[in-house]
Amino acid sequence: MLLLSAPKQVGLADMEEMFNSCFTVIETSEWIEKINKKEIKKGPIKELAETVYLLQKNDREPPEIAALRQKNHVLGAMLKEDIKMLVTTMESLVPGFMTLEGEIVSISVKPQKFLEAVQASTNTDIPTEFREAYQRAFE
């Protein structure tokens, strides 16, 4: 389940649902299989990285989620919670490259380097049976 959480964008609310509704191994297996079949929603990773970097470089204030939504129309169409989930997913996929502290998002490298790290992590660090899901979600 843990390996599916990033590409399938499984958050804490989803996990809480599982813990509150699955009481047997069969129920848990069915819940995980439902998540496994879930349509992969590709997030705007490139837009996120570029916008965070741009604001971080050109603004005197650290980039908050509200500022990201205002600066980029693709991010502006997303809910704050969806952006938080995307950043949290990136934190776990490529640790140390992007962080979320409250509402503040930061990136430690240029966007191209970040995107290369995301691509590399989906090609090497993921077991083969999950690799396709990661590549579709984070290409």
N, C-alpha and C. Protein backbone atom coordinates (compact mmCIF):
# COMPACT_ATOMS: atom_id res chain seq x y z
N MET A 1 0.82 -1.19 0.00
CA MET A 1 0.00 0.00 0.00
C MET A 1 0.86 1.25 0.00
N LEU A 2 1.93 1.21 0.77
CA LEU A 2 2.80 2.36 0.87
C LEU A 2 3.38 2.75 -0.49
N LEU A 3 3.75 1.78 -1.29
CA LEU A 3 4.31 2.08 -2.61
C LEU A 3 3.27 2.66 -3.57
N LEU A 4 2.02 2.37 -3.33
CA LEU A 4 0.96 2.92 -4.20
C LEU A 4 0.55 4.32 -3.78
N SER A 5 0.89 4.74 -2.57
CA SER A 5 0.39 6.01 -2.06
C SER A 5 0.85 7.21 -2.88
N ALA A 6 2.07 7.21 -3.39
CA ALA A 6 2.55 8.36 -4.17
C ALA A 6 1.87 8.47 -5.53
N PRO A 7 1.95 7.45 -6.39
CA PRO A 7 1.34 7.65 -7.72
C PRO A 7 -0.18 7.71 -7.69
N LYS A 8 -0.79 7.09 -6.71
CA LYS A 8 -2.25 7.10 -6.63
C LYS A 8 -2.76 8.24 -5.76
N GLN A 9 -1.83 9.04 -5.23
CA GLN A 9 -2.14 10.21 -4.42
C GLN A 9 -3.07 9.86 -3.26
N VAL A 10 -2.63 8.89 -2.47
CA VAL A 10 -3.37 8.45 -1.29
C VAL A 10 -2.89 9.30 -0.12
N GLY A 11 -3.79 10.05 0.46
CA GLY A 11 -3.45 10.92 1.57
C GLY A 11 -3.87 10.34 2.91
N LEU A 12 -3.65 11.13 3.94
CA LEU A 12 -4.00 10.68 5.29
C LEU A 12 -5.50 10.45 5.45
N ALA A 13 -6.31 11.24 4.78
CA ALA A 13 -7.76 11.04 4.86
C ALA A 13 -8.15 9.69 4.27
N ASP A 14 -7.50 9.29 3.19
CA ASP A 14 -7.76 7.99 2.59
C ASP A 14 -7.35 6.87 3.53
N MET A 15 -6.19 7.04 4.16
CA MET A 15 -5.71 6.02 5.10
C MET A 15 -6.66 5.90 6.29
N GLU A 16 -7.16 7.04 6.76
CA GLU A 16 -8.11 7.02 7.87
C GLU A 16 -9.36 6.24 7.47
N GLU A 17 -9.83 6.46 6.23
CA GLU A 17 -10.99 5.72 5.73
C GLU A 17 -10.72 4.22 5.78
N MET A 18 -9.52 3.81 5.34
CA MET A 18 -9.19 2.39 5.35
C MET A 18 -9.21 1.84 6.77
N PHE A 19 -8.59 2.56 7.71
CA PHE A 19 -8.53 2.08 9.08
C PHE A 19 -9.90 2.04 9.75
N ASN A 20 -10.80 2.93 9.33
CA ASN A 20 -12.15 2.96 9.91
C ASN A 20 -13.12 1.98 9.26
N SER A 21 -12.80 1.51 8.04
CA SER A 21 -13.77 0.66 7.35
C SER A 21 -13.28 -0.76 7.06
N CYS A 22 -12.01 -1.02 7.21
CA CYS A 22 -11.47 -2.35 6.89
C CYS A 22 -11.07 -3.06 8.19
N PHE A 23 -11.74 -4.17 8.46
CA PHE A 23 -11.49 -4.88 9.71
C PHE A 23 -10.95 -6.28 9.50
N THR A 24 -10.93 -6.73 8.26
CA THR A 24 -10.40 -8.06 7.96
C THR A 24 -9.36 -7.95 6.86
N VAL A 25 -8.60 -9.01 6.70
CA VAL A 25 -7.59 -9.04 5.64
C VAL A 25 -8.26 -8.93 4.27
N ILE A 26 -9.39 -9.56 4.11
CA ILE A 26 -10.11 -9.51 2.83
C ILE A 26 -10.57 -8.08 2.53
N GLU A 27 -11.15 -7.40 3.52
CA GLU A 27 -11.60 -6.02 3.31
C GLU A 27 -10.42 -5.10 2.98
N THR A 28 -9.31 -5.30 3.67
CA THR A 28 -8.12 -4.49 3.42
C THR A 28 -7.58 -4.76 2.03
N SER A 29 -7.53 -6.02 1.64
CA SER A 29 -7.06 -6.37 0.29
C SER A 29 -7.94 -5.76 -0.78
N GLU A 30 -9.25 -5.79 -0.56
CA GLU A 30 -10.18 -5.20 -1.53
C GLU A 30 -9.99 -3.69 -1.61
N TRP A 31 -9.77 -3.04 -0.46
CA TRP A 31 -9.55 -1.60 -0.44
C TRP A 31 -8.28 -1.24 -1.20
N ILE A 32 -7.21 -1.99 -0.96
CA ILE A 32 -5.95 -1.75 -1.66
C ILE A 32 -6.10 -1.99 -3.16
N GLU A 33 -6.82 -3.02 -3.52
CA GLU A 33 -7.04 -3.30 -4.95
C GLU A 33 -7.84 -2.17 -5.61
N LYS A 34 -8.80 -1.61 -4.88
CA LYS A 34 -9.57 -0.47 -5.39
C LYS A 34 -8.63 0.72 -5.64
N ILE A 35 -7.72 0.96 -4.72
CA ILE A 35 -6.74 2.03 -4.90
C ILE A 35 -5.84 1.73 -6.08
N ASN A 36 -5.43 0.47 -6.22
CA ASN A 36 -4.55 0.07 -7.32
C ASN A 36 -5.21 0.31 -8.68
N LYS A 37 -6.52 0.16 -8.75
CA LYS A 37 -7.24 0.36 -10.02
C LYS A 37 -7.64 1.82 -10.25
N LYS A 38 -7.40 2.65 -9.25
CA LYS A 38 -7.77 4.06 -9.33
C LYS A 38 -7.06 4.74 -10.50
N GLU A 39 -7.80 5.55 -11.22
CA GLU A 39 -7.25 6.32 -12.34
C GLU A 39 -6.14 7.23 -11.82
N ILE A 40 -5.02 7.20 -12.50
CA ILE A 40 -3.90 8.04 -12.09
C ILE A 40 -4.12 9.44 -12.61
N LYS A 41 -4.12 10.38 -11.67
CA LYS A 41 -4.31 11.78 -12.01
C LYS A 41 -2.94 12.45 -12.01
N LYS A 42 -2.46 12.75 -13.19
CA LYS A 42 -1.14 13.36 -13.31
C LYS A 42 -1.18 14.79 -12.83
N GLY A 43 -0.34 15.07 -11.86
CA GLY A 43 -0.29 16.42 -11.30
C GLY A 43 0.62 17.33 -12.13
N PRO A 44 0.43 18.61 -12.00
CA PRO A 44 1.26 19.57 -12.74
C PRO A 44 2.62 19.76 -12.05
N ILE A 45 3.45 18.74 -12.13
CA ILE A 45 4.73 18.75 -11.44
C ILE A 45 5.66 19.83 -11.99
N LYS A 46 5.72 19.93 -13.29
CA LYS A 46 6.60 20.93 -13.91
C LYS A 46 6.16 22.35 -13.53
N GLU A 47 4.87 22.60 -13.60
CA GLU A 47 4.34 23.92 -13.25
C GLU A 47 4.61 24.24 -11.78
N LEU A 48 4.45 23.24 -10.93
CA LEU A 48 4.71 23.43 -9.51
C LEU A 48 6.18 23.81 -9.28
N ALA A 49 7.09 23.03 -9.83
CA ALA A 49 8.52 23.28 -9.63
C ALA A 49 8.92 24.65 -10.18
N GLU A 50 8.47 24.98 -11.38
CA GLU A 50 8.85 26.25 -11.99
C GLU A 50 8.29 27.45 -11.23
N THR A 51 7.05 27.33 -10.76
CA THR A 51 6.42 28.44 -10.05
C THR A 51 7.05 28.64 -8.67
N VAL A 52 7.30 27.55 -7.96
CA VAL A 52 7.95 27.67 -6.65
C VAL A 52 9.33 28.32 -6.83
N TYR A 53 10.08 27.83 -7.80
CA TYR A 53 11.43 28.37 -8.03
C TYR A 53 11.38 29.86 -8.39
N LEU A 54 10.47 30.22 -9.27
CA LEU A 54 10.33 31.62 -9.70
C LEU A 54 10.00 32.52 -8.52
N LEU A 55 9.02 32.13 -7.71
CA LEU A 55 8.64 32.95 -6.56
C LEU A 55 9.75 33.00 -5.52
N GLN A 56 10.40 31.89 -5.32
CA GLN A 56 11.48 31.82 -4.35
C GLN A 56 12.64 32.74 -4.76
N LYS A 57 12.88 32.81 -6.06
CA LYS A 57 13.99 33.60 -6.60
C LYS A 57 13.66 35.09 -6.66
N ASN A 58 12.41 35.43 -7.00
CA ASN A 58 12.06 36.82 -7.30
C ASN A 58 11.25 37.54 -6.23
N ASP A 59 10.78 36.83 -5.22
CA ASP A 59 9.94 37.47 -4.21
C ASP A 59 10.70 37.50 -2.88
N ARG A 60 10.43 38.50 -2.09
CA ARG A 60 11.10 38.60 -0.79
C ARG A 60 10.44 37.70 0.26
N GLU A 61 9.26 37.27 0.01
CA GLU A 61 8.54 36.36 0.92
C GLU A 61 8.65 34.93 0.39
N PRO A 62 8.69 33.94 1.27
CA PRO A 62 8.71 32.56 0.78
C PRO A 62 7.38 32.20 0.12
N PRO A 63 7.42 31.34 -0.90
CA PRO A 63 6.20 31.01 -1.65
C PRO A 63 5.19 30.21 -0.81
N GLU A 64 4.02 30.76 -0.68
CA GLU A 64 2.92 30.07 -0.01
C GLU A 64 2.00 29.50 -1.08
N ILE A 65 1.19 28.54 -0.70
CA ILE A 65 0.30 27.88 -1.65
C ILE A 65 -0.63 28.89 -2.33
N ALA A 66 -1.12 29.85 -1.58
CA ALA A 66 -2.00 30.87 -2.18
C ALA A 66 -1.28 31.64 -3.28
N ALA A 67 0.00 31.96 -3.05
CA ALA A 67 0.77 32.68 -4.07
C ALA A 67 1.01 31.81 -5.30
N LEU A 68 1.23 30.53 -5.09
CA LEU A 68 1.41 29.61 -6.23
C LEU A 68 0.14 29.58 -7.07
N ARG A 69 -1.01 29.55 -6.41
CA ARG A 69 -2.29 29.49 -7.12
C ARG A 69 -2.53 30.78 -7.91
N GLN A 70 -2.08 31.90 -7.38
CA GLN A 70 -2.27 33.17 -8.08
C GLN A 70 -1.31 33.32 -9.26
N LYS A 71 -0.10 32.82 -9.09
CA LYS A 71 0.95 33.02 -10.10
C LYS A 71 0.80 32.10 -11.31
N ASN A 72 0.21 30.92 -11.12
CA ASN A 72 0.13 29.95 -12.21
C ASN A 72 -1.32 29.50 -12.39
N HIS A 73 -1.85 29.66 -13.60
CA HIS A 73 -3.27 29.35 -13.83
C HIS A 73 -3.57 27.85 -13.66
N VAL A 74 -2.62 26.98 -13.96
CA VAL A 74 -2.84 25.54 -13.78
C VAL A 74 -2.97 25.22 -12.30
N LEU A 75 -2.07 25.78 -11.50
CA LEU A 75 -2.14 25.57 -10.04
C LEU A 75 -3.36 26.29 -9.46
N GLY A 76 -3.73 27.39 -10.07
CA GLY A 76 -4.90 28.14 -9.61
C GLY A 76 -6.20 27.37 -9.76
N ALA A 77 -6.22 26.42 -10.68
CA ALA A 77 -7.42 25.61 -10.87
C ALA A 77 -7.51 24.46 -9.87
N MET A 78 -6.45 24.28 -9.09
CA MET A 78 -6.42 23.19 -8.11
C MET A 78 -6.85 23.69 -6.73
N LEU A 79 -7.34 22.77 -5.92
CA LEU A 79 -7.64 23.09 -4.52
C LEU A 79 -6.33 23.12 -3.73
N LYS A 80 -6.31 23.90 -2.65
CA LYS A 80 -5.12 23.97 -1.81
C LYS A 80 -4.71 22.58 -1.33
N GLU A 81 -5.67 21.77 -0.94
CA GLU A 81 -5.37 20.43 -0.43
C GLU A 81 -4.73 19.55 -1.51
N ASP A 82 -5.15 19.75 -2.77
CA ASP A 82 -4.56 18.97 -3.87
C ASP A 82 -3.10 19.39 -4.10
N ILE A 83 -2.82 20.67 -3.97
CA ILE A 83 -1.43 21.14 -4.11
C ILE A 83 -0.59 20.60 -2.96
N LYS A 84 -1.15 20.65 -1.75
CA LYS A 84 -0.43 20.10 -0.60
C LYS A 84 -0.12 18.62 -0.81
N MET A 85 -1.08 17.88 -1.32
CA MET A 85 -0.88 16.45 -1.57
C MET A 85 0.21 16.23 -2.61
N LEU A 86 0.21 17.05 -3.65
CA LEU A 86 1.23 16.94 -4.69
C LEU A 86 2.62 17.22 -4.12
N VAL A 87 2.73 18.27 -3.32
CA VAL A 87 4.03 18.61 -2.72
C VAL A 87 4.47 17.50 -1.77
N THR A 88 3.55 16.99 -0.96
CA THR A 88 3.88 15.90 -0.04
C THR A 88 4.35 14.67 -0.80
N THR A 89 3.71 14.39 -1.92
CA THR A 89 4.13 13.27 -2.76
C THR A 89 5.54 13.51 -3.29
N MET A 90 5.83 14.73 -3.71
CA MET A 90 7.17 15.05 -4.21
C MET A 90 8.21 14.94 -3.10
N GLU A 91 7.82 15.34 -1.89
CA GLU A 91 8.74 15.23 -0.74
C GLU A 91 9.16 13.78 -0.52
N SER A 92 8.21 12.87 -0.64
CA SER A 92 8.53 11.47 -0.39
C SER A 92 9.22 10.82 -1.60
N LEU A 93 8.93 11.30 -2.79
CA LEU A 93 9.52 10.72 -3.99
C LEU A 93 10.98 11.14 -4.18
N VAL A 94 11.26 12.41 -3.95
CA VAL A 94 12.63 12.93 -4.07
C VAL A 94 12.94 13.76 -2.82
N PRO A 95 13.25 13.09 -1.73
CA PRO A 95 13.50 13.79 -0.46
C PRO A 95 14.60 14.85 -0.58
N GLY A 96 14.34 15.97 0.07
CA GLY A 96 15.32 17.04 0.10
C GLY A 96 15.24 18.02 -1.05
N PHE A 97 14.44 17.72 -2.06
CA PHE A 97 14.35 18.61 -3.23
C PHE A 97 13.22 19.63 -3.08
N MET A 98 12.12 19.23 -2.45
CA MET A 98 10.99 20.11 -2.27
C MET A 98 10.40 19.85 -0.88
N THR A 99 10.01 20.92 -0.20
CA THR A 99 9.44 20.74 1.14
C THR A 99 8.18 21.59 1.31
N LEU A 100 7.37 21.16 2.24
CA LEU A 100 6.15 21.88 2.61
C LEU A 100 6.18 22.05 4.12
N GLU A 101 6.14 23.29 4.57
CA GLU A 101 6.07 23.60 5.99
C GLU A 101 4.87 24.52 6.19
N GLY A 102 3.78 23.94 6.67
CA GLY A 102 2.53 24.70 6.79
C GLY A 102 2.00 25.01 5.41
N GLU A 103 2.01 26.28 5.04
CA GLU A 103 1.56 26.73 3.72
C GLU A 103 2.73 27.09 2.80
N ILE A 104 3.95 27.01 3.33
CA ILE A 104 5.13 27.44 2.57
C ILE A 104 5.76 26.26 1.85
N VAL A 105 5.98 26.44 0.55
CA VAL A 105 6.61 25.43 -0.29
C VAL A 105 7.98 25.95 -0.68
N SER A 106 8.98 25.07 -0.66
CA SER A 106 10.31 25.48 -1.11
C SER A 106 10.92 24.39 -1.97
N ILE A 107 11.83 24.81 -2.83
CA ILE A 107 12.54 23.90 -3.71
C ILE A 107 14.03 24.21 -3.56
N SER A 108 14.86 23.18 -3.52
CA SER A 108 16.28 23.39 -3.24
C SER A 108 17.16 23.35 -4.48
N VAL A 109 16.58 23.08 -5.64
CA VAL A 109 17.34 23.00 -6.89
C VAL A 109 16.54 23.69 -8.00
N LYS A 110 17.17 23.88 -9.14
CA LYS A 110 16.46 24.44 -10.29
C LYS A 110 15.41 23.43 -10.76
N PRO A 111 14.33 23.93 -11.38
CA PRO A 111 13.25 23.03 -11.82
C PRO A 111 13.70 21.87 -12.69
N GLN A 112 14.60 22.11 -13.63
CA GLN A 112 15.04 21.03 -14.51
C GLN A 112 15.72 19.91 -13.73
N LYS A 113 16.54 20.27 -12.77
CA LYS A 113 17.22 19.29 -11.92
C LYS A 113 16.20 18.51 -11.08
N PHE A 114 15.19 19.21 -10.60
CA PHE A 114 14.12 18.58 -9.83
C PHE A 114 13.38 17.55 -10.69
N LEU A 115 13.01 17.96 -11.91
CA LEU A 115 12.27 17.07 -12.80
C LEU A 115 13.12 15.85 -13.19
N GLU A 116 14.40 16.05 -13.38
CA GLU A 116 15.30 14.93 -13.66
C GLU A 116 15.34 13.95 -12.49
N ALA A 117 15.36 14.49 -11.27
CA ALA A 117 15.38 13.63 -10.08
C ALA A 117 14.08 12.84 -9.95
N VAL A 118 12.96 13.48 -10.25
CA VAL A 118 11.67 12.77 -10.22
C VAL A 118 11.69 11.64 -11.23
N GLN A 119 12.13 11.93 -12.45
CA GLN A 119 12.18 10.91 -13.50
C GLN A 119 13.12 9.77 -13.11
N ALA A 120 14.27 10.11 -12.58
CA ALA A 120 15.25 9.09 -12.19
C ALA A 120 14.71 8.20 -11.07
N SER A 121 14.00 8.80 -10.13
CA SER A 121 13.49 8.00 -9.01
C SER A 121 12.41 7.02 -9.46
N THR A 122 11.67 7.38 -10.48
CA THR A 122 10.63 6.46 -10.96
C THR A 122 11.22 5.36 -11.82
N ASN A 123 12.44 5.55 -12.31
CA ASN A 123 13.07 4.53 -13.13
C ASN A 123 13.90 3.53 -12.34
N THR A 124 14.38 3.92 -11.17
CA THR A 124 15.32 3.05 -10.47
C THR A 124 14.89 2.62 -9.08
N ASP A 125 14.30 3.50 -8.31
CA ASP A 125 14.03 3.22 -6.90
C ASP A 125 12.74 2.44 -6.66
N ILE A 126 11.95 2.26 -7.67
CA ILE A 126 10.63 1.65 -7.52
C ILE A 126 10.67 0.20 -8.01
N PRO A 127 10.11 -0.72 -7.22
CA PRO A 127 10.05 -2.12 -7.69
C PRO A 127 9.32 -2.21 -9.04
N THR A 128 9.72 -3.16 -9.86
CA THR A 128 9.20 -3.24 -11.22
C THR A 128 7.69 -3.34 -11.30
N GLU A 129 7.05 -4.03 -10.36
CA GLU A 129 5.59 -4.19 -10.44
C GLU A 129 4.84 -2.87 -10.22
N PHE A 130 5.50 -1.86 -9.64
CA PHE A 130 4.86 -0.56 -9.42
C PHE A 130 5.40 0.52 -10.34
N ARG A 131 6.43 0.21 -11.09
CA ARG A 131 7.13 1.21 -11.90
C ARG A 131 6.23 1.88 -12.93
N GLU A 132 5.37 1.11 -13.59
CA GLU A 132 4.48 1.67 -14.61
C GLU A 132 3.55 2.73 -14.01
N ALA A 133 3.01 2.46 -12.83
CA ALA A 133 2.12 3.43 -12.18
C ALA A 133 2.87 4.73 -11.88
N TYR A 134 4.10 4.62 -11.41
CA TYR A 134 4.90 5.80 -11.12
C TYR A 134 5.24 6.57 -12.39
N GLN A 135 5.61 5.86 -13.44
CA GLN A 135 5.98 6.54 -14.67
C GLN A 135 4.79 7.27 -15.29
N ARG A 136 3.61 6.68 -15.21
CA ARG A 136 2.42 7.37 -15.74
C ARG A 136 2.07 8.59 -14.91
N ALA A 137 2.25 8.49 -13.60
CA ALA A 137 1.88 9.60 -12.72
C ALA A 137 2.89 10.74 -12.76
N PHE A 138 4.17 10.42 -12.95
CA PHE A 138 5.20 11.42 -12.80
C PHE A 138 6.06 11.66 -14.03
N GLU A 139 5.60 11.27 -15.21
CA GLU A 139 6.41 11.47 -16.41
C GLU A 139 6.50 12.94 -16.77
